[in-house]
Amino acid sequence: MNLENLQEMWKTDSRLDDDLHDNDSIAIPQLHMKYMEFHNTYSLMKRERELEMKRLVRDKWLYYKGKAPASVYKEMPFDYKLTAKDEISMFIEADEEIQKIQYKIDYIEQVLFFLDGVLRMINNRTYHIKNAIEWKRFQSGM
């Protein structure tokens, strides 16, 4: 499930039925559970990626510092001698593997931001339903 699919799903799930507000009200717990499961899944995915990032940063630090096993340098030679923290940090931040994982973490954070908004809307849904009912009463002169 990606962000685009979640957005399309929410477009459908967010609609309130003008005539069946009781059904909308009853569906709130199921909607909350549905999107809470997505939120939990993505939260765990983010934690996995963050741990993966820490391991990769360690390995890259060893590589750029020149302390990695010789077999690593046979596969990927690195001819520079980096000594300053700033130099090593710059190479680590610019590393393609690091950037790919960082992009995945950023994407997951965006999905979590979206899901947080959806869950807030679901939590406030009773107020929206109540307002819709009151508006219909007002329109009908009650």
N, C-alpha and C. Protein backbone atom coordinates (compact mmCIF):
# COMPACT_ATOMS: atom_id res chain seq x y z
N MET A 1 0.86 -1.17 0.00
CA MET A 1 0.00 0.00 0.00
C MET A 1 0.90 1.23 0.00
N ASN A 2 0.71 2.10 -0.99
CA ASN A 2 1.51 3.32 -1.04
C ASN A 2 0.64 4.54 -0.76
N LEU A 3 1.27 5.70 -0.74
CA LEU A 3 0.57 6.94 -0.40
C LEU A 3 -0.58 7.22 -1.36
N GLU A 4 -0.36 7.00 -2.63
CA GLU A 4 -1.40 7.28 -3.62
C GLU A 4 -2.63 6.39 -3.38
N ASN A 5 -2.40 5.12 -3.08
CA ASN A 5 -3.51 4.20 -2.80
C ASN A 5 -4.26 4.62 -1.54
N LEU A 6 -3.53 5.01 -0.51
CA LEU A 6 -4.16 5.47 0.73
C LEU A 6 -5.01 6.72 0.48
N GLN A 7 -4.49 7.62 -0.33
CA GLN A 7 -5.24 8.85 -0.63
C GLN A 7 -6.53 8.53 -1.39
N GLU A 8 -6.44 7.63 -2.35
CA GLU A 8 -7.64 7.24 -3.09
C GLU A 8 -8.64 6.55 -2.17
N MET A 9 -8.15 5.71 -1.28
CA MET A 9 -9.02 5.02 -0.35
C MET A 9 -9.72 6.02 0.56
N TRP A 10 -8.98 7.03 1.02
CA TRP A 10 -9.57 8.04 1.91
C TRP A 10 -10.59 8.91 1.18
N LYS A 11 -10.38 9.14 -0.12
CA LYS A 11 -11.37 9.90 -0.89
C LYS A 11 -12.73 9.21 -0.82
N THR A 12 -12.72 7.91 -0.89
CA THR A 12 -13.97 7.14 -0.80
C THR A 12 -14.48 7.09 0.63
N ASP A 13 -13.61 6.77 1.56
CA ASP A 13 -14.02 6.58 2.95
C ASP A 13 -14.42 7.89 3.64
N SER A 14 -13.94 9.01 3.14
CA SER A 14 -14.22 10.28 3.82
C SER A 14 -15.60 10.84 3.52
N ARG A 15 -16.25 10.30 2.51
CA ARG A 15 -17.58 10.82 2.14
C ARG A 15 -18.62 10.44 3.19
N LEU A 16 -19.45 11.41 3.51
CA LEU A 16 -20.58 11.18 4.39
C LEU A 16 -21.83 11.05 3.53
N ASP A 17 -22.67 10.11 3.87
CA ASP A 17 -23.92 9.91 3.15
C ASP A 17 -24.96 10.89 3.69
N ASP A 18 -25.50 11.73 2.83
CA ASP A 18 -26.46 12.76 3.25
C ASP A 18 -27.70 12.18 3.91
N ASP A 19 -28.08 10.98 3.54
CA ASP A 19 -29.31 10.40 4.06
C ASP A 19 -29.11 9.40 5.18
N LEU A 20 -27.91 8.84 5.29
CA LEU A 20 -27.70 7.76 6.25
C LEU A 20 -26.59 8.11 7.24
N HIS A 21 -26.82 9.15 8.02
CA HIS A 21 -25.81 9.56 8.98
C HIS A 21 -25.63 8.53 10.10
N ASP A 22 -26.67 7.75 10.36
CA ASP A 22 -26.53 6.72 11.39
C ASP A 22 -25.51 5.68 10.96
N ASN A 23 -25.53 5.31 9.68
CA ASN A 23 -24.53 4.36 9.16
C ASN A 23 -23.12 4.95 9.23
N ASP A 24 -23.00 6.25 8.90
CA ASP A 24 -21.70 6.91 8.98
C ASP A 24 -21.19 6.90 10.41
N SER A 25 -22.07 7.13 11.34
CA SER A 25 -21.69 7.17 12.75
C SER A 25 -21.25 5.78 13.23
N ILE A 26 -21.97 4.77 12.83
CA ILE A 26 -21.63 3.40 13.23
C ILE A 26 -20.30 2.95 12.62
N ALA A 27 -19.96 3.48 11.44
CA ALA A 27 -18.75 3.06 10.74
C ALA A 27 -17.47 3.70 11.30
N ILE A 28 -17.60 4.67 12.20
CA ILE A 28 -16.41 5.37 12.71
C ILE A 28 -15.39 4.42 13.34
N PRO A 29 -15.79 3.53 14.23
CA PRO A 29 -14.77 2.64 14.82
C PRO A 29 -14.05 1.76 13.79
N GLN A 30 -14.78 1.28 12.79
CA GLN A 30 -14.14 0.45 11.76
C GLN A 30 -13.16 1.28 10.93
N LEU A 31 -13.56 2.50 10.60
CA LEU A 31 -12.65 3.36 9.85
C LEU A 31 -11.40 3.66 10.67
N HIS A 32 -11.61 3.95 11.94
CA HIS A 32 -10.47 4.25 12.80
C HIS A 32 -9.52 3.06 12.85
N MET A 33 -10.05 1.89 13.02
CA MET A 33 -9.20 0.69 13.09
C MET A 33 -8.47 0.46 11.76
N LYS A 34 -9.16 0.66 10.67
CA LYS A 34 -8.56 0.45 9.36
C LYS A 34 -7.33 1.34 9.17
N TYR A 35 -7.50 2.64 9.46
CA TYR A 35 -6.39 3.57 9.25
C TYR A 35 -5.35 3.49 10.37
N MET A 36 -5.76 3.04 11.54
CA MET A 36 -4.80 2.84 12.62
C MET A 36 -3.87 1.67 12.30
N GLU A 37 -4.40 0.64 11.66
CA GLU A 37 -3.55 -0.48 11.22
C GLU A 37 -2.51 -0.01 10.22
N PHE A 38 -2.93 0.83 9.27
CA PHE A 38 -1.96 1.39 8.32
C PHE A 38 -0.91 2.21 9.05
N HIS A 39 -1.35 3.02 10.00
CA HIS A 39 -0.43 3.87 10.76
C HIS A 39 0.58 3.02 11.52
N ASN A 40 0.12 1.96 12.16
CA ASN A 40 1.02 1.07 12.90
C ASN A 40 2.02 0.40 11.98
N THR A 41 1.55 -0.06 10.84
CA THR A 41 2.42 -0.72 9.87
C THR A 41 3.53 0.23 9.41
N TYR A 42 3.14 1.45 9.04
CA TYR A 42 4.13 2.41 8.56
C TYR A 42 5.05 2.89 9.68
N SER A 43 4.57 2.95 10.91
CA SER A 43 5.43 3.33 12.03
C SER A 43 6.52 2.28 12.23
N LEU A 44 6.14 1.02 12.13
CA LEU A 44 7.13 -0.05 12.27
C LEU A 44 8.10 -0.07 11.08
N MET A 45 7.59 0.21 9.89
CA MET A 45 8.46 0.28 8.73
C MET A 45 9.48 1.40 8.89
N LYS A 46 9.03 2.53 9.42
CA LYS A 46 9.94 3.66 9.63
C LYS A 46 11.04 3.27 10.61
N ARG A 47 10.66 2.60 11.68
CA ARG A 47 11.65 2.19 12.68
C ARG A 47 12.67 1.22 12.06
N GLU A 48 12.21 0.30 11.23
CA GLU A 48 13.12 -0.62 10.53
C GLU A 48 14.12 0.14 9.66
N ARG A 49 13.61 1.10 8.91
CA ARG A 49 14.48 1.88 8.02
C ARG A 49 15.48 2.72 8.82
N GLU A 50 15.05 3.24 9.96
CA GLU A 50 15.96 4.02 10.78
C GLU A 50 17.09 3.15 11.33
N LEU A 51 16.76 1.93 11.74
CA LEU A 51 17.79 1.00 12.20
C LEU A 51 18.73 0.60 11.06
N GLU A 52 18.14 0.38 9.89
CA GLU A 52 18.94 0.06 8.70
C GLU A 52 19.89 1.22 8.38
N MET A 53 19.39 2.44 8.53
CA MET A 53 20.21 3.63 8.27
C MET A 53 21.38 3.70 9.25
N LYS A 54 21.13 3.43 10.52
CA LYS A 54 22.21 3.47 11.51
C LYS A 54 23.30 2.46 11.18
N ARG A 55 22.90 1.25 10.80
CA ARG A 55 23.88 0.22 10.44
C ARG A 55 24.68 0.64 9.20
N LEU A 56 23.97 1.19 8.22
CA LEU A 56 24.64 1.60 6.99
C LEU A 56 25.58 2.77 7.24
N VAL A 57 25.19 3.72 8.07
CA VAL A 57 26.07 4.85 8.39
C VAL A 57 27.34 4.34 9.07
N ARG A 58 27.19 3.38 9.98
CA ARG A 58 28.37 2.79 10.62
C ARG A 58 29.29 2.16 9.59
N ASP A 59 28.70 1.35 8.69
CA ASP A 59 29.51 0.67 7.68
C ASP A 59 30.17 1.68 6.74
N LYS A 60 29.44 2.71 6.37
CA LYS A 60 30.01 3.74 5.49
C LYS A 60 31.10 4.52 6.22
N TRP A 61 30.92 4.77 7.50
CA TRP A 61 31.96 5.48 8.27
C TRP A 61 33.24 4.66 8.27
N LEU A 62 33.12 3.35 8.52
CA LEU A 62 34.30 2.48 8.49
C LEU A 62 34.94 2.49 7.10
N TYR A 63 34.10 2.45 6.07
CA TYR A 63 34.60 2.44 4.69
C TYR A 63 35.35 3.73 4.37
N TYR A 64 34.73 4.86 4.63
CA TYR A 64 35.37 6.14 4.29
C TYR A 64 36.53 6.48 5.22
N LYS A 65 36.54 5.94 6.40
CA LYS A 65 37.64 6.16 7.35
C LYS A 65 38.84 5.28 7.00
N GLY A 66 38.60 4.24 6.16
CA GLY A 66 39.68 3.34 5.76
C GLY A 66 39.84 2.17 6.71
N LYS A 67 38.82 1.88 7.50
CA LYS A 67 38.91 0.82 8.50
C LYS A 67 38.05 -0.40 8.16
N ALA A 68 37.48 -0.42 6.99
CA ALA A 68 36.66 -1.56 6.58
C ALA A 68 37.57 -2.73 6.20
N PRO A 69 37.04 -3.95 6.17
CA PRO A 69 37.85 -5.10 5.75
C PRO A 69 38.38 -4.92 4.33
N ALA A 70 39.53 -5.51 4.06
CA ALA A 70 40.18 -5.37 2.75
C ALA A 70 39.29 -5.86 1.62
N SER A 71 38.47 -6.86 1.89
CA SER A 71 37.60 -7.40 0.85
C SER A 71 36.61 -6.34 0.33
N VAL A 72 36.21 -5.43 1.19
CA VAL A 72 35.30 -4.36 0.78
C VAL A 72 35.98 -3.44 -0.22
N TYR A 73 37.25 -3.13 0.01
CA TYR A 73 37.98 -2.23 -0.88
C TYR A 73 38.34 -2.89 -2.21
N LYS A 74 38.39 -4.23 -2.22
CA LYS A 74 38.62 -4.93 -3.48
C LYS A 74 37.41 -4.76 -4.39
N GLU A 75 36.22 -4.84 -3.78
CA GLU A 75 34.98 -4.69 -4.56
C GLU A 75 34.74 -3.24 -4.95
N MET A 76 34.97 -2.34 -4.00
CA MET A 76 34.72 -0.90 -4.23
C MET A 76 35.94 -0.11 -3.75
N PRO A 77 36.93 0.09 -4.61
CA PRO A 77 38.13 0.82 -4.18
C PRO A 77 37.79 2.27 -3.79
N PHE A 78 38.52 2.77 -2.79
CA PHE A 78 38.37 4.15 -2.35
C PHE A 78 39.77 4.69 -2.12
N ASP A 79 40.20 5.61 -2.98
CA ASP A 79 41.58 6.05 -3.00
C ASP A 79 41.87 7.28 -2.13
N TYR A 80 40.86 7.88 -1.56
CA TYR A 80 41.07 9.08 -0.76
C TYR A 80 41.40 8.74 0.68
N LYS A 81 42.15 9.60 1.33
CA LYS A 81 42.44 9.47 2.75
C LYS A 81 41.70 10.59 3.47
N LEU A 82 40.58 10.26 4.11
CA LEU A 82 39.78 11.24 4.82
C LEU A 82 40.15 11.18 6.30
N THR A 83 40.39 12.33 6.87
CA THR A 83 40.76 12.37 8.28
C THR A 83 39.82 13.24 9.10
N ALA A 84 39.31 14.30 8.52
CA ALA A 84 38.45 15.22 9.27
C ALA A 84 37.02 14.68 9.33
N LYS A 85 36.35 14.97 10.44
CA LYS A 85 34.95 14.54 10.60
C LYS A 85 34.06 15.12 9.50
N ASP A 86 34.33 16.37 9.15
CA ASP A 86 33.52 17.03 8.12
C ASP A 86 33.64 16.33 6.77
N GLU A 87 34.84 15.90 6.44
CA GLU A 87 35.04 15.21 5.16
C GLU A 87 34.27 13.89 5.14
N ILE A 88 34.40 13.14 6.21
CA ILE A 88 33.73 11.84 6.29
C ILE A 88 32.21 12.03 6.26
N SER A 89 31.73 13.01 7.02
CA SER A 89 30.28 13.29 7.04
C SER A 89 29.77 13.67 5.66
N MET A 90 30.56 14.48 4.94
CA MET A 90 30.14 14.90 3.60
C MET A 90 30.03 13.69 2.67
N PHE A 91 31.00 12.79 2.72
CA PHE A 91 30.96 11.61 1.86
C PHE A 91 29.80 10.69 2.25
N ILE A 92 29.55 10.55 3.55
CA ILE A 92 28.45 9.70 4.00
C ILE A 92 27.12 10.28 3.54
N GLU A 93 26.92 11.58 3.72
CA GLU A 93 25.66 12.22 3.33
C GLU A 93 25.43 12.16 1.82
N ALA A 94 26.52 12.19 1.05
CA ALA A 94 26.40 12.16 -0.41
C ALA A 94 26.35 10.74 -0.96
N ASP A 95 26.53 9.75 -0.12
CA ASP A 95 26.54 8.36 -0.57
C ASP A 95 25.16 7.97 -1.11
N GLU A 96 25.15 7.30 -2.24
CA GLU A 96 23.91 6.94 -2.91
C GLU A 96 23.04 5.99 -2.09
N GLU A 97 23.65 5.02 -1.43
CA GLU A 97 22.88 4.08 -0.60
C GLU A 97 22.23 4.80 0.57
N ILE A 98 22.95 5.71 1.19
CA ILE A 98 22.41 6.49 2.31
C ILE A 98 21.24 7.34 1.83
N GLN A 99 21.40 7.97 0.69
CA GLN A 99 20.34 8.82 0.15
C GLN A 99 19.08 8.02 -0.18
N LYS A 100 19.24 6.81 -0.68
CA LYS A 100 18.09 5.97 -0.99
C LYS A 100 17.30 5.62 0.28
N ILE A 101 18.01 5.24 1.32
CA ILE A 101 17.32 4.91 2.58
C ILE A 101 16.69 6.16 3.18
N GLN A 102 17.39 7.30 3.08
CA GLN A 102 16.83 8.54 3.62
C GLN A 102 15.54 8.91 2.86
N TYR A 103 15.53 8.68 1.55
CA TYR A 103 14.32 8.94 0.77
C TYR A 103 13.18 8.05 1.25
N LYS A 104 13.47 6.78 1.52
CA LYS A 104 12.44 5.86 2.01
C LYS A 104 11.90 6.33 3.36
N ILE A 105 12.79 6.77 4.24
CA ILE A 105 12.36 7.28 5.54
C ILE A 105 11.48 8.52 5.36
N ASP A 106 11.89 9.42 4.49
CA ASP A 106 11.11 10.64 4.23
C ASP A 106 9.73 10.30 3.66
N TYR A 107 9.69 9.32 2.76
CA TYR A 107 8.42 8.90 2.17
C TYR A 107 7.49 8.33 3.25
N ILE A 108 8.04 7.48 4.10
CA ILE A 108 7.24 6.90 5.19
C ILE A 108 6.75 7.99 6.13
N GLU A 109 7.59 8.98 6.41
CA GLU A 109 7.16 10.11 7.25
C GLU A 109 6.00 10.86 6.61
N GLN A 110 6.02 11.02 5.29
CA GLN A 110 4.92 11.70 4.60
C GLN A 110 3.64 10.88 4.69
N VAL A 111 3.76 9.57 4.56
CA VAL A 111 2.59 8.69 4.70
C VAL A 111 2.03 8.80 6.12
N LEU A 112 2.92 8.80 7.12
CA LEU A 112 2.47 8.92 8.51
C LEU A 112 1.81 10.27 8.77
N PHE A 113 2.32 11.33 8.15
CA PHE A 113 1.70 12.65 8.27
C PHE A 113 0.28 12.61 7.71
N PHE A 114 0.13 11.99 6.55
CA PHE A 114 -1.20 11.85 5.94
C PHE A 114 -2.13 11.04 6.85
N LEU A 115 -1.64 9.92 7.36
CA LEU A 115 -2.46 9.06 8.21
C LEU A 115 -2.82 9.75 9.52
N ASP A 116 -1.92 10.55 10.06
CA ASP A 116 -2.25 11.34 11.26
C ASP A 116 -3.44 12.27 10.98
N GLY A 117 -3.42 12.91 9.82
CA GLY A 117 -4.52 13.78 9.44
C GLY A 117 -5.83 13.03 9.27
N VAL A 118 -5.75 11.86 8.65
CA VAL A 118 -6.94 11.03 8.46
C VAL A 118 -7.51 10.61 9.81
N LEU A 119 -6.65 10.18 10.71
CA LEU A 119 -7.12 9.75 12.03
C LEU A 119 -7.74 10.91 12.81
N ARG A 120 -7.18 12.11 12.66
CA ARG A 120 -7.80 13.28 13.31
C ARG A 120 -9.19 13.54 12.74
N MET A 121 -9.32 13.42 11.42
CA MET A 121 -10.64 13.63 10.79
C MET A 121 -11.63 12.57 11.26
N ILE A 122 -11.19 11.35 11.37
CA ILE A 122 -12.07 10.28 11.85
C ILE A 122 -12.49 10.55 13.29
N ASN A 123 -11.54 11.00 14.11
CA ASN A 123 -11.86 11.31 15.50
C ASN A 123 -12.87 12.45 15.62
N ASN A 124 -12.86 13.36 14.67
CA ASN A 124 -13.79 14.50 14.67
C ASN A 124 -15.05 14.23 13.86
N ARG A 125 -15.18 13.06 13.34
CA ARG A 125 -16.29 12.75 12.43
C ARG A 125 -17.65 12.90 13.09
N THR A 126 -17.77 12.58 14.37
CA THR A 126 -19.06 12.72 15.05
C THR A 126 -19.53 14.18 15.02
N TYR A 127 -18.59 15.11 15.13
CA TYR A 127 -18.95 16.53 15.07
C TYR A 127 -19.44 16.91 13.67
N HIS A 128 -18.80 16.38 12.66
CA HIS A 128 -19.23 16.65 11.28
C HIS A 128 -20.63 16.09 11.03
N ILE A 129 -20.86 14.90 11.52
CA ILE A 129 -22.19 14.29 11.35
C ILE A 129 -23.24 15.10 12.10
N LYS A 130 -22.92 15.49 13.33
CA LYS A 130 -23.85 16.29 14.13
C LYS A 130 -24.17 17.61 13.43
N ASN A 131 -23.14 18.27 12.90
CA ASN A 131 -23.36 19.53 12.19
C ASN A 131 -24.21 19.32 10.93
N ALA A 132 -24.00 18.23 10.23
CA ALA A 132 -24.79 17.96 9.03
C ALA A 132 -26.26 17.75 9.40
N ILE A 133 -26.51 17.04 10.48
CA ILE A 133 -27.88 16.81 10.93
C ILE A 133 -28.53 18.12 11.35
N GLU A 134 -27.80 18.94 12.10
CA GLU A 134 -28.34 20.24 12.53
C GLU A 134 -28.60 21.15 11.34
N TRP A 135 -27.77 21.11 10.35
CA TRP A 135 -27.97 21.93 9.16
C TRP A 135 -29.24 21.49 8.42
N LYS A 136 -29.47 20.19 8.31
CA LYS A 136 -30.69 19.70 7.67
C LYS A 136 -31.92 20.13 8.46
N ARG A 137 -31.85 20.07 9.77
CA ARG A 137 -32.97 20.53 10.60
C ARG A 137 -33.23 22.01 10.37
N PHE A 138 -32.19 22.80 10.31
CA PHE A 138 -32.33 24.23 10.09
C PHE A 138 -32.97 24.50 8.74
N GLN A 139 -32.52 23.79 7.72
CA GLN A 139 -33.06 23.98 6.37
C GLN A 139 -34.53 23.59 6.29
N SER A 140 -34.93 22.59 7.07
CA SER A 140 -36.31 22.15 7.01
C SER A 140 -37.20 22.96 7.96
N GLY A 141 -36.59 23.91 8.70
CA GLY A 141 -37.38 24.79 9.57
C GLY A 141 -37.67 24.20 10.92
N MET A 142 -36.95 23.22 11.35
CA MET A 142 -37.19 22.60 12.65
C MET A 142 -36.41 23.27 13.74
